All heavy atoms as atom14 arrays in JSON, in Angstrom:
{
  "sequence": "IFSSYFMGWFRQAPGKEREFVAIIQWSGGNPTYADPVKGRFTISRDT",
  "atom14_mask": [
    [1, 1, 1, 1, 1, 1, 1, 1, 0, 0, 0, 0, 0, 0],
    [1, 1, 1, 1, 1, 1, 1, 1, 1, 1, 1, 0, 0, 0],
    [1, 1, 1, 1, 1, 1, 0, 0, 0, 0, 0, 0, 0, 0],
    [1, 1, 1, 1, 1, 1, 0, 0, 0, 0, 0, 0, 0, 0],
    [1, 1, 1, 1, 1, 1, 1, 1, 1, 1, 1, 1, 0, 0],
    [1, 1, 1, 1, 1, 1, 1, 1, 1, 1, 1, 0, 0, 0],
    [1, 1, 1, 1, 1, 1, 1, 1, 0, 0, 0, 0, 0, 0],
    [1, 1, 1, 1, 0, 0, 0, 0, 0, 0, 0, 0, 0, 0],
    [1, 1, 1, 1, 1, 1, 1, 1, 1, 1, 1, 1, 1, 1],
    [1, 1, 1, 1, 1, 1, 1, 1, 1, 1, 1, 0, 0, 0],
    [1, 1, 1, 1, 1, 1, 1, 1, 1, 1, 1, 0, 0, 0],
    [1, 1, 1, 1, 1, 1, 1, 1, 1, 0, 0, 0, 0, 0],
    [1, 1, 1, 1, 1, 0, 0, 0, 0, 0, 0, 0, 0, 0],
    [1, 1, 1, 1, 1, 1, 1, 0, 0, 0, 0, 0, 0, 0],
    [1, 1, 1, 1, 0, 0, 0, 0, 0, 0, 0, 0, 0, 0],
    [1, 1, 1, 1, 1, 1, 1, 1, 1, 0, 0, 0, 0, 0],
    [1, 1, 1, 1, 1, 1, 1, 1, 1, 0, 0, 0, 0, 0],
    [1, 1, 1, 1, 1, 1, 1, 1, 1, 1, 1, 0, 0, 0],
    [1, 1, 1, 1, 1, 1, 1, 1, 1, 0, 0, 0, 0, 0],
    [1, 1, 1, 1, 1, 1, 1, 1, 1, 1, 1, 0, 0, 0],
    [1, 1, 1, 1, 1, 1, 1, 0, 0, 0, 0, 0, 0, 0],
    [1, 1, 1, 1, 1, 0, 0, 0, 0, 0, 0, 0, 0, 0],
    [1, 1, 1, 1, 1, 1, 1, 1, 0, 0, 0, 0, 0, 0],
    [1, 1, 1, 1, 1, 1, 1, 1, 0, 0, 0, 0, 0, 0],
    [1, 1, 1, 1, 1, 1, 1, 1, 1, 0, 0, 0, 0, 0],
    [1, 1, 1, 1, 1, 1, 1, 1, 1, 1, 1, 1, 1, 1],
    [1, 1, 1, 1, 1, 1, 0, 0, 0, 0, 0, 0, 0, 0],
    [1, 1, 1, 1, 0, 0, 0, 0, 0, 0, 0, 0, 0, 0],
    [1, 1, 1, 1, 0, 0, 0, 0, 0, 0, 0, 0, 0, 0],
    [1, 1, 1, 1, 1, 1, 1, 1, 0, 0, 0, 0, 0, 0],
    [1, 1, 1, 1, 1, 1, 1, 0, 0, 0, 0, 0, 0, 0],
    [1, 1, 1, 1, 1, 1, 1, 0, 0, 0, 0, 0, 0, 0],
    [1, 1, 1, 1, 1, 1, 1, 1, 1, 1, 1, 1, 0, 0],
    [1, 1, 1, 1, 1, 0, 0, 0, 0, 0, 0, 0, 0, 0],
    [1, 1, 1, 1, 1, 1, 1, 1, 0, 0, 0, 0, 0, 0],
    [1, 1, 1, 1, 1, 1, 1, 0, 0, 0, 0, 0, 0, 0],
    [1, 1, 1, 1, 1, 1, 1, 0, 0, 0, 0, 0, 0, 0],
    [1, 1, 1, 1, 1, 1, 1, 1, 1, 0, 0, 0, 0, 0],
    [1, 1, 1, 1, 0, 0, 0, 0, 0, 0, 0, 0, 0, 0],
    [1, 1, 1, 1, 1, 1, 1, 1, 1, 1, 1, 0, 0, 0],
    [1, 1, 1, 1, 1, 1, 1, 1, 1, 1, 1, 0, 0, 0],
    [1, 1, 1, 1, 1, 1, 1, 0, 0, 0, 0, 0, 0, 0],
    [1, 1, 1, 1, 1, 1, 1, 1, 0, 0, 0, 0, 0, 0],
    [1, 1, 1, 1, 1, 1, 0, 0, 0, 0, 0, 0, 0, 0],
    [1, 1, 1, 1, 1, 1, 1, 1, 1, 1, 1, 0, 0, 0],
    [1, 1, 1, 1, 1, 1, 1, 1, 0, 0, 0, 0, 0, 0],
    [1, 1, 1, 1, 1, 1, 1, 0, 0, 0, 0, 0, 0, 0]
  ],
  "atom14_positions": [
    [[20.04, -24.85, -22.93], [19.88, -24.3, -24.27], [19.02, -25.27, -25.08], [19.41, -26.42, -25.28], [21.23, -24.09, -24.97], [22.12, -23.19, -24.12], [21.0, -23.47, -26.35], [23.51, -23.02, -24.67], [0.0, 0.0, 0.0], [0.0, 0.0, 0.0], [0.0, 0.0, 0.0], [0.0, 0.0, 0.0], [0.0, 0.0, 0.0], [0.0, 0.0, 0.0]],
    [[17.88, -24.8, -25.53], [16.95, -25.64, -26.28], [17.4, -25.77, -27.73], [18.01, -24.86, -28.29], [15.54, -25.09, -26.2], [14.94, -25.15, -24.83], [15.04, -24.07, -23.96], [14.29, -26.29, -24.41], [14.49, -24.14, -22.7], [13.73, -26.37, -23.13], [13.83, -25.28, -22.28], [0.0, 0.0, 0.0], [0.0, 0.0, 0.0], [0.0, 0.0, 0.0]],
    [[17.08, -26.9, -28.35], [17.53, -27.19, -29.7], [17.05, -26.15, -30.71], [17.73, -25.91, -31.71], [17.05, -28.58, -30.13], [17.61, -29.59, -29.33], [0.0, 0.0, 0.0], [0.0, 0.0, 0.0], [0.0, 0.0, 0.0], [0.0, 0.0, 0.0], [0.0, 0.0, 0.0], [0.0, 0.0, 0.0], [0.0, 0.0, 0.0], [0.0, 0.0, 0.0]],
    [[15.91, -25.54, -30.46], [15.36, -24.56, -31.4], [15.98, -23.18, -31.25], [15.77, -22.33, -32.12], [13.85, -24.46, -31.23], [13.52, -24.03, -29.92], [0.0, 0.0, 0.0], [0.0, 0.0, 0.0], [0.0, 0.0, 0.0], [0.0, 0.0, 0.0], [0.0, 0.0, 0.0], [0.0, 0.0, 0.0], [0.0, 0.0, 0.0], [0.0, 0.0, 0.0]],
    [[16.73, -22.93, -30.19], [17.34, -21.62, -29.97], [18.5, -21.4, -30.94], [19.05, -22.34, -31.52], [17.85, -21.5, -28.55], [16.77, -21.31, -27.5], [15.42, -21.47, -27.79], [17.12, -20.98, -26.19], [14.45, -21.31, -26.82], [16.15, -20.82, -25.22], [14.82, -20.99, -25.53], [13.86, -20.84, -24.56], [0.0, 0.0, 0.0], [0.0, 0.0, 0.0]],
    [[18.88, -20.12, -31.08], [20.0, -19.74, -31.92], [21.11, -19.13, -31.07], [20.85, -18.39, -30.12], [19.56, -18.73, -32.98], [18.58, -19.28, -33.96], [17.23, -19.29, -33.68], [19.01, -19.81, -35.17], [16.31, -19.8, -34.58], [18.1, -20.33, -36.08], [16.76, -20.33, -35.78], [0.0, 0.0, 0.0], [0.0, 0.0, 0.0], [0.0, 0.0, 0.0]],
    [[22.36, -19.45, -31.41], [23.52, -18.82, -30.79], [24.4, -18.25, -31.89], [24.48, -18.82, -32.98], [24.31, -19.81, -29.95], [23.56, -20.32, -28.74], [24.6, -21.25, -27.59], [25.65, -19.93, -26.95], [0.0, 0.0, 0.0], [0.0, 0.0, 0.0], [0.0, 0.0, 0.0], [0.0, 0.0, 0.0], [0.0, 0.0, 0.0], [0.0, 0.0, 0.0]],
    [[25.04, -17.12, -31.6], [25.84, -16.5, -32.63], [26.79, -15.45, -32.12], [27.08, -15.37, -30.92], [0.0, 0.0, 0.0], [0.0, 0.0, 0.0], [0.0, 0.0, 0.0], [0.0, 0.0, 0.0], [0.0, 0.0, 0.0], [0.0, 0.0, 0.0], [0.0, 0.0, 0.0], [0.0, 0.0, 0.0], [0.0, 0.0, 0.0], [0.0, 0.0, 0.0]],
    [[27.27, -14.63, -33.06], [28.29, -13.63, -32.78], [27.95, -12.31, -33.45], [27.5, -12.27, -34.6], [29.66, -14.1, -33.28], [30.15, -15.34, -32.61], [29.9, -16.63, -32.97], [31.0, -15.4, -31.46], [30.52, -17.49, -32.11], [31.21, -16.77, -31.17], [31.6, -14.44, -30.65], [31.99, -17.19, -30.11], [32.37, -14.87, -29.58], [32.57, -16.22, -29.33]],
    [[28.17, -11.21, -32.71], [28.17, -9.86, -33.23], [29.55, -9.27, -33.01], [30.36, -9.82, -32.25], [27.11, -8.99, -32.54], [25.71, -9.23, -33.02], [25.04, -10.39, -32.71], [25.05, -8.27, -33.78], [23.74, -10.62, -33.14], [23.75, -8.48, -34.21], [23.1, -9.65, -33.9], [0.0, 0.0, 0.0], [0.0, 0.0, 0.0], [0.0, 0.0, 0.0]],
    [[29.83, -8.14, -33.66], [31.09, -7.44, -33.43], [30.87, -5.94, -33.53], [29.95, -5.48, -34.18], [32.18, -7.89, -34.41], [31.94, -7.5, -35.86], [33.01, -8.1, -36.76], [32.85, -7.71, -38.15], [33.6, -8.17, -39.15], [34.57, -9.04, -38.9], [33.38, -7.75, -40.4], [0.0, 0.0, 0.0], [0.0, 0.0, 0.0], [0.0, 0.0, 0.0]],
    [[31.76, -5.2, -32.85], [31.7, -3.74, -32.89], [33.11, -3.19, -33.03], [33.94, -3.34, -32.13], [31.04, -3.18, -31.63], [30.78, -1.69, -31.7], [29.82, -1.21, -30.63], [29.65, -1.87, -29.6], [29.18, -0.09, -30.86], [0.0, 0.0, 0.0], [0.0, 0.0, 0.0], [0.0, 0.0, 0.0], [0.0, 0.0, 0.0], [0.0, 0.0, 0.0]],
    [[33.37, -2.57, -34.18], [34.66, -1.95, -34.45], [34.69, -0.53, -33.89], [33.63, 0.08, -33.68], [34.92, -1.93, -35.96], [0.0, 0.0, 0.0], [0.0, 0.0, 0.0], [0.0, 0.0, 0.0], [0.0, 0.0, 0.0], [0.0, 0.0, 0.0], [0.0, 0.0, 0.0], [0.0, 0.0, 0.0], [0.0, 0.0, 0.0], [0.0, 0.0, 0.0]],
    [[35.88, 0.03, -33.66], [35.97, 1.4, -33.15], [35.24, 2.39, -34.04], [35.45, 2.42, -35.25], [37.48, 1.67, -33.14], [38.1, 0.32, -33.02], [37.2, -0.6, -33.81], [0.0, 0.0, 0.0], [0.0, 0.0, 0.0], [0.0, 0.0, 0.0], [0.0, 0.0, 0.0], [0.0, 0.0, 0.0], [0.0, 0.0, 0.0], [0.0, 0.0, 0.0]],
    [[34.36, 3.19, -33.45], [33.63, 4.21, -34.18], [32.49, 3.71, -35.04], [31.9, 4.51, -35.78], [0.0, 0.0, 0.0], [0.0, 0.0, 0.0], [0.0, 0.0, 0.0], [0.0, 0.0, 0.0], [0.0, 0.0, 0.0], [0.0, 0.0, 0.0], [0.0, 0.0, 0.0], [0.0, 0.0, 0.0], [0.0, 0.0, 0.0], [0.0, 0.0, 0.0]],
    [[32.14, 2.43, -34.97], [31.08, 1.86, -35.79], [30.0, 1.22, -34.93], [30.21, 0.96, -33.74], [31.64, 0.83, -36.77], [32.67, 1.38, -37.74], [33.07, 0.35, -38.77], [31.92, 0.05, -39.72], [32.33, -0.88, -40.82], [0.0, 0.0, 0.0], [0.0, 0.0, 0.0], [0.0, 0.0, 0.0], [0.0, 0.0, 0.0], [0.0, 0.0, 0.0]],
    [[28.84, 0.97, -35.53], [27.74, 0.32, -34.84], [27.99, -1.18, -34.72], [28.73, -1.77, -35.5], [26.42, 0.57, -35.56], [25.99, 2.02, -35.57], [24.64, 2.22, -36.23], [24.13, 1.27, -36.85], [24.09, 3.33, -36.12], [0.0, 0.0, 0.0], [0.0, 0.0, 0.0], [0.0, 0.0, 0.0], [0.0, 0.0, 0.0], [0.0, 0.0, 0.0]],
    [[27.35, -1.79, -33.74], [27.44, -3.23, -33.57], [26.76, -3.93, -34.75], [25.67, -3.54, -35.17], [26.78, -3.64, -32.26], [27.07, -5.06, -31.81], [26.67, -5.27, -30.35], [27.44, -4.42, -29.45], [27.38, -4.5, -28.12], [26.58, -5.38, -27.55], [28.11, -3.68, -27.38], [0.0, 0.0, 0.0], [0.0, 0.0, 0.0], [0.0, 0.0, 0.0]],
    [[27.42, -4.97, -35.31], [26.91, -5.63, -36.49], [26.91, -7.15, -36.34], [27.74, -7.73, -35.64], [27.72, -5.24, -37.73], [29.16, -5.7, -37.71], [29.91, -5.34, -38.98], [29.33, -4.67, -39.85], [31.08, -5.74, -39.1], [0.0, 0.0, 0.0], [0.0, 0.0, 0.0], [0.0, 0.0, 0.0], [0.0, 0.0, 0.0], [0.0, 0.0, 0.0]],
    [[25.99, -7.78, -37.04], [25.86, -9.22, -37.06], [27.04, -9.87, -37.77], [27.54, -9.35, -38.77], [24.56, -9.59, -37.77], [24.44, -11.04, -38.14], [24.12, -11.99, -37.18], [24.65, -11.45, -39.44], [24.01, -13.32, -37.52], [24.54, -12.78, -39.79], [24.22, -13.72, -38.83], [0.0, 0.0, 0.0], [0.0, 0.0, 0.0], [0.0, 0.0, 0.0]],
    [[27.51, -11.02, -37.25], [28.6, -11.77, -37.85], [28.15, -13.15, -38.31], [28.29, -13.51, -39.48], [29.79, -11.91, -36.89], [30.88, -12.78, -37.51], [30.35, -10.54, -36.52], [0.0, 0.0, 0.0], [0.0, 0.0, 0.0], [0.0, 0.0, 0.0], [0.0, 0.0, 0.0], [0.0, 0.0, 0.0], [0.0, 0.0, 0.0], [0.0, 0.0, 0.0]],
    [[27.61, -13.95, -37.39], [27.21, -15.32, -37.72], [26.24, -15.85, -36.67], [26.26, -15.4, -35.52], [28.43, -16.25, -37.8], [0.0, 0.0, 0.0], [0.0, 0.0, 0.0], [0.0, 0.0, 0.0], [0.0, 0.0, 0.0], [0.0, 0.0, 0.0], [0.0, 0.0, 0.0], [0.0, 0.0, 0.0], [0.0, 0.0, 0.0], [0.0, 0.0, 0.0]],
    [[25.42, -16.83, -37.05], [24.47, -17.43, -36.12], [24.2, -18.87, -36.54], [24.32, -19.22, -37.72], [23.16, -16.62, -36.06], [22.36, -16.96, -34.8], [22.32, -16.85, -37.31], [21.26, -15.96, -34.5], [0.0, 0.0, 0.0], [0.0, 0.0, 0.0], [0.0, 0.0, 0.0], [0.0, 0.0, 0.0], [0.0, 0.0, 0.0], [0.0, 0.0, 0.0]],
    [[23.86, -19.73, -35.56], [23.57, -21.13, -35.83], [22.5, -21.62, -34.85], [22.48, -21.21, -33.69], [24.84, -22.01, -35.73], [24.58, -23.42, -36.25], [25.36, -22.04, -34.3], [25.85, -24.26, -36.39], [0.0, 0.0, 0.0], [0.0, 0.0, 0.0], [0.0, 0.0, 0.0], [0.0, 0.0, 0.0], [0.0, 0.0, 0.0], [0.0, 0.0, 0.0]],
    [[21.61, -22.49, -35.31], [20.64, -23.1, -34.42], [21.36, -24.11, -33.54], [22.3, -24.77, -33.98], [19.53, -23.77, -35.23], [18.26, -24.03, -34.44], [17.08, -24.34, -35.36], [17.25, -24.73, -36.5], [15.88, -24.15, -34.84], [0.0, 0.0, 0.0], [0.0, 0.0, 0.0], [0.0, 0.0, 0.0], [0.0, 0.0, 0.0], [0.0, 0.0, 0.0]],
    [[20.93, -24.24, -32.28], [21.61, -25.13, -31.35], [21.62, -26.58, -31.84], [22.53, -27.33, -31.53], [20.98, -25.04, -29.96], [21.78, -25.71, -28.89], [21.37, -26.72, -28.06], [23.12, -25.41, -28.51], [22.37, -27.06, -27.2], [23.47, -26.28, -27.44], [24.07, -24.49, -28.96], [24.72, -26.26, -26.84], [25.32, -24.47, -28.35], [25.63, -25.34, -27.31]],
    [[20.62, -26.96, -32.62], [20.59, -28.28, -33.21], [21.68, -28.47, -34.27], [21.95, -29.6, -34.69], [19.23, -28.55, -33.84], [18.98, -27.66, -34.91], [0.0, 0.0, 0.0], [0.0, 0.0, 0.0], [0.0, 0.0, 0.0], [0.0, 0.0, 0.0], [0.0, 0.0, 0.0], [0.0, 0.0, 0.0], [0.0, 0.0, 0.0], [0.0, 0.0, 0.0]],
    [[22.28, -27.38, -34.73], [23.3, -27.41, -35.76], [22.83, -26.93, -37.12], [23.64, -26.8, -38.04], [0.0, 0.0, 0.0], [0.0, 0.0, 0.0], [0.0, 0.0, 0.0], [0.0, 0.0, 0.0], [0.0, 0.0, 0.0], [0.0, 0.0, 0.0], [0.0, 0.0, 0.0], [0.0, 0.0, 0.0], [0.0, 0.0, 0.0], [0.0, 0.0, 0.0]],
    [[21.55, -26.65, -37.24], [20.99, -26.25, -38.51], [21.09, -24.77, -38.79], [21.33, -23.96, -37.9], [0.0, 0.0, 0.0], [0.0, 0.0, 0.0], [0.0, 0.0, 0.0], [0.0, 0.0, 0.0], [0.0, 0.0, 0.0], [0.0, 0.0, 0.0], [0.0, 0.0, 0.0], [0.0, 0.0, 0.0], [0.0, 0.0, 0.0], [0.0, 0.0, 0.0]],
    [[20.92, -24.42, -40.06], [20.8, -23.04, -40.53], [21.94, -22.11, -40.14], [21.71, -21.01, -39.64], [19.47, -22.43, -40.05], [18.27, -23.17, -40.57], [18.22, -23.53, -41.75], [17.3, -23.41, -39.71], [0.0, 0.0, 0.0], [0.0, 0.0, 0.0], [0.0, 0.0, 0.0], [0.0, 0.0, 0.0], [0.0, 0.0, 0.0], [0.0, 0.0, 0.0]],
    [[23.2, -22.5, -40.36], [24.29, -21.54, -40.14], [24.19, -20.4, -41.15], [23.99, -20.64, -42.34], [25.55, -22.37, -40.34], [25.13, -23.48, -41.25], [23.71, -23.79, -40.88], [0.0, 0.0, 0.0], [0.0, 0.0, 0.0], [0.0, 0.0, 0.0], [0.0, 0.0, 0.0], [0.0, 0.0, 0.0], [0.0, 0.0, 0.0], [0.0, 0.0, 0.0]],
    [[24.33, -19.17, -40.66], [24.18, -17.99, -41.5], [25.31, -17.01, -41.2], [25.69, -16.84, -40.04], [22.83, -17.31, -41.26], [21.77, -18.25, -41.48], [22.63, -16.13, -42.21], [0.0, 0.0, 0.0], [0.0, 0.0, 0.0], [0.0, 0.0, 0.0], [0.0, 0.0, 0.0], [0.0, 0.0, 0.0], [0.0, 0.0, 0.0], [0.0, 0.0, 0.0]],
    [[25.85, -16.36, -42.25], [27.0, -15.48, -42.1], [26.75, -14.14, -42.78], [26.07, -14.06, -43.8], [28.25, -16.11, -42.72], [28.61, -17.45, -42.15], [28.1, -18.62, -42.7], [29.45, -17.55, -41.05], [28.43, -19.86, -42.17], [29.79, -18.78, -40.52], [29.27, -19.93, -41.08], [29.6, -21.15, -40.55], [0.0, 0.0, 0.0], [0.0, 0.0, 0.0]],
    [[27.33, -13.1, -42.21], [27.34, -11.8, -42.86], [28.26, -11.85, -44.07], [29.27, -12.56, -44.07], [27.79, -10.71, -41.89], [0.0, 0.0, 0.0], [0.0, 0.0, 0.0], [0.0, 0.0, 0.0], [0.0, 0.0, 0.0], [0.0, 0.0, 0.0], [0.0, 0.0, 0.0], [0.0, 0.0, 0.0], [0.0, 0.0, 0.0], [0.0, 0.0, 0.0]],
    [[27.95, -11.07, -45.11], [28.72, -11.11, -46.34], [30.22, -10.86, -46.15], [31.03, -11.55, -46.78], [28.15, -10.11, -47.34], [26.85, -10.58, -47.96], [26.57, -11.79, -47.91], [26.12, -9.73, -48.49], [0.0, 0.0, 0.0], [0.0, 0.0, 0.0], [0.0, 0.0, 0.0], [0.0, 0.0, 0.0], [0.0, 0.0, 0.0], [0.0, 0.0, 0.0]],
    [[30.65, -9.92, -45.29], [32.1, -9.67, -45.17], [32.92, -10.84, -44.64], [34.13, -10.87, -44.85], [32.17, -8.47, -44.2], [30.84, -7.8, -44.33], [29.88, -8.92, -44.54], [0.0, 0.0, 0.0], [0.0, 0.0, 0.0], [0.0, 0.0, 0.0], [0.0, 0.0, 0.0], [0.0, 0.0, 0.0], [0.0, 0.0, 0.0], [0.0, 0.0, 0.0]],
    [[32.29, -11.8, -43.95], [33.02, -12.92, -43.37], [32.72, -14.23, -44.07], [33.35, -15.26, -43.75], [32.75, -13.06, -41.86], [32.97, -11.73, -41.15], [31.33, -13.56, -41.61], [0.0, 0.0, 0.0], [0.0, 0.0, 0.0], [0.0, 0.0, 0.0], [0.0, 0.0, 0.0], [0.0, 0.0, 0.0], [0.0, 0.0, 0.0], [0.0, 0.0, 0.0]],
    [[31.81, -14.24, -45.0], [31.4, -15.47, -45.68], [32.58, -16.1, -46.42], [33.3, -15.41, -47.15], [30.26, -15.16, -46.65], [29.46, -16.37, -47.09], [28.19, -15.94, -47.83], [27.26, -15.15, -46.92], [26.0, -14.75, -47.62], [0.0, 0.0, 0.0], [0.0, 0.0, 0.0], [0.0, 0.0, 0.0], [0.0, 0.0, 0.0], [0.0, 0.0, 0.0]],
    [[32.79, -17.39, -46.2], [33.91, -18.09, -46.8], [35.18, -18.07, -45.98], [36.11, -18.83, -46.27], [0.0, 0.0, 0.0], [0.0, 0.0, 0.0], [0.0, 0.0, 0.0], [0.0, 0.0, 0.0], [0.0, 0.0, 0.0], [0.0, 0.0, 0.0], [0.0, 0.0, 0.0], [0.0, 0.0, 0.0], [0.0, 0.0, 0.0], [0.0, 0.0, 0.0]],
    [[35.26, -17.22, -44.96], [36.44, -17.13, -44.1], [36.17, -17.59, -42.67], [37.04, -18.16, -42.03], [36.98, -15.7, -44.07], [37.44, -15.18, -45.42], [38.11, -13.81, -45.28], [37.2, -12.79, -44.78], [37.36, -12.12, -43.64], [38.44, -12.34, -42.88], [36.48, -11.2, -43.28], [0.0, 0.0, 0.0], [0.0, 0.0, 0.0], [0.0, 0.0, 0.0]],
    [[34.97, -17.31, -42.16], [34.6, -17.66, -40.78], [33.68, -18.88, -40.78], [32.86, -19.05, -41.7], [33.88, -16.5, -40.1], [34.73, -15.3, -39.8], [36.01, -15.17, -40.32], [34.23, -14.29, -38.99], [36.78, -14.06, -40.04], [35.0, -13.17, -38.7], [36.27, -13.06, -39.23], [0.0, 0.0, 0.0], [0.0, 0.0, 0.0], [0.0, 0.0, 0.0]],
    [[33.76, -19.7, -39.73], [32.9, -20.86, -39.57], [32.39, -20.91, -38.14], [33.18, -20.86, -37.19], [33.62, -22.17, -39.89], [34.11, -22.14, -41.23], [32.67, -23.35, -39.75], [0.0, 0.0, 0.0], [0.0, 0.0, 0.0], [0.0, 0.0, 0.0], [0.0, 0.0, 0.0], [0.0, 0.0, 0.0], [0.0, 0.0, 0.0], [0.0, 0.0, 0.0]],
    [[31.07, -21.0, -37.96], [30.47, -21.11, -36.64], [30.11, -22.58, -36.38], [29.66, -23.29, -37.28], [29.23, -20.2, -36.51], [28.73, -20.19, -35.06], [28.12, -20.61, -37.46], [27.66, -19.12, -34.8], [0.0, 0.0, 0.0], [0.0, 0.0, 0.0], [0.0, 0.0, 0.0], [0.0, 0.0, 0.0], [0.0, 0.0, 0.0], [0.0, 0.0, 0.0]],
    [[30.33, -23.04, -35.15], [30.01, -24.41, -34.77], [29.7, -24.45, -33.28], [29.89, -23.46, -32.57], [31.17, -25.36, -35.1], [32.33, -25.01, -34.39], [0.0, 0.0, 0.0], [0.0, 0.0, 0.0], [0.0, 0.0, 0.0], [0.0, 0.0, 0.0], [0.0, 0.0, 0.0], [0.0, 0.0, 0.0], [0.0, 0.0, 0.0], [0.0, 0.0, 0.0]],
    [[29.21, -25.61, -32.8], [28.9, -25.73, -31.39], [29.2, -27.14, -30.89], [29.16, -28.1, -31.66], [27.45, -25.35, -31.09], [26.42, -26.48, -31.21], [26.05, -26.73, -32.66], [24.99, -27.74, -32.76], [25.21, -29.04, -32.87], [26.47, -29.51, -32.92], [24.2, -29.88, -32.96], [0.0, 0.0, 0.0], [0.0, 0.0, 0.0], [0.0, 0.0, 0.0]],
    [[29.49, -27.25, -29.59], [29.71, -28.51, -28.91], [28.66, -28.59, -27.81], [28.78, -27.93, -26.78], [31.13, -28.57, -28.33], [31.45, -29.92, -27.71], [30.53, -30.63, -27.29], [32.65, -30.25, -27.63], [0.0, 0.0, 0.0], [0.0, 0.0, 0.0], [0.0, 0.0, 0.0], [0.0, 0.0, 0.0], [0.0, 0.0, 0.0], [0.0, 0.0, 0.0]],
    [[27.63, -29.41, -28.01], [26.53, -29.47, -27.05], [26.96, -30.03, -25.7], [26.41, -29.65, -24.67], [25.37, -30.3, -27.62], [25.83, -31.61, -27.96], [24.79, -29.64, -28.87], [0.0, 0.0, 0.0], [0.0, 0.0, 0.0], [0.0, 0.0, 0.0], [0.0, 0.0, 0.0], [0.0, 0.0, 0.0], [0.0, 0.0, 0.0], [0.0, 0.0, 0.0]]
  ]
}
């Protein structure tokens, strides 16, 4: 996994389309969250 790549999470609820949840650059930079989970969810990585 290269430092410039991004890893993250999507989710799909019953009867709904797949939606973005959170993403982070492998270097640890630019964590980004969808509004419904902002302040409650935290994304991190262990290289």
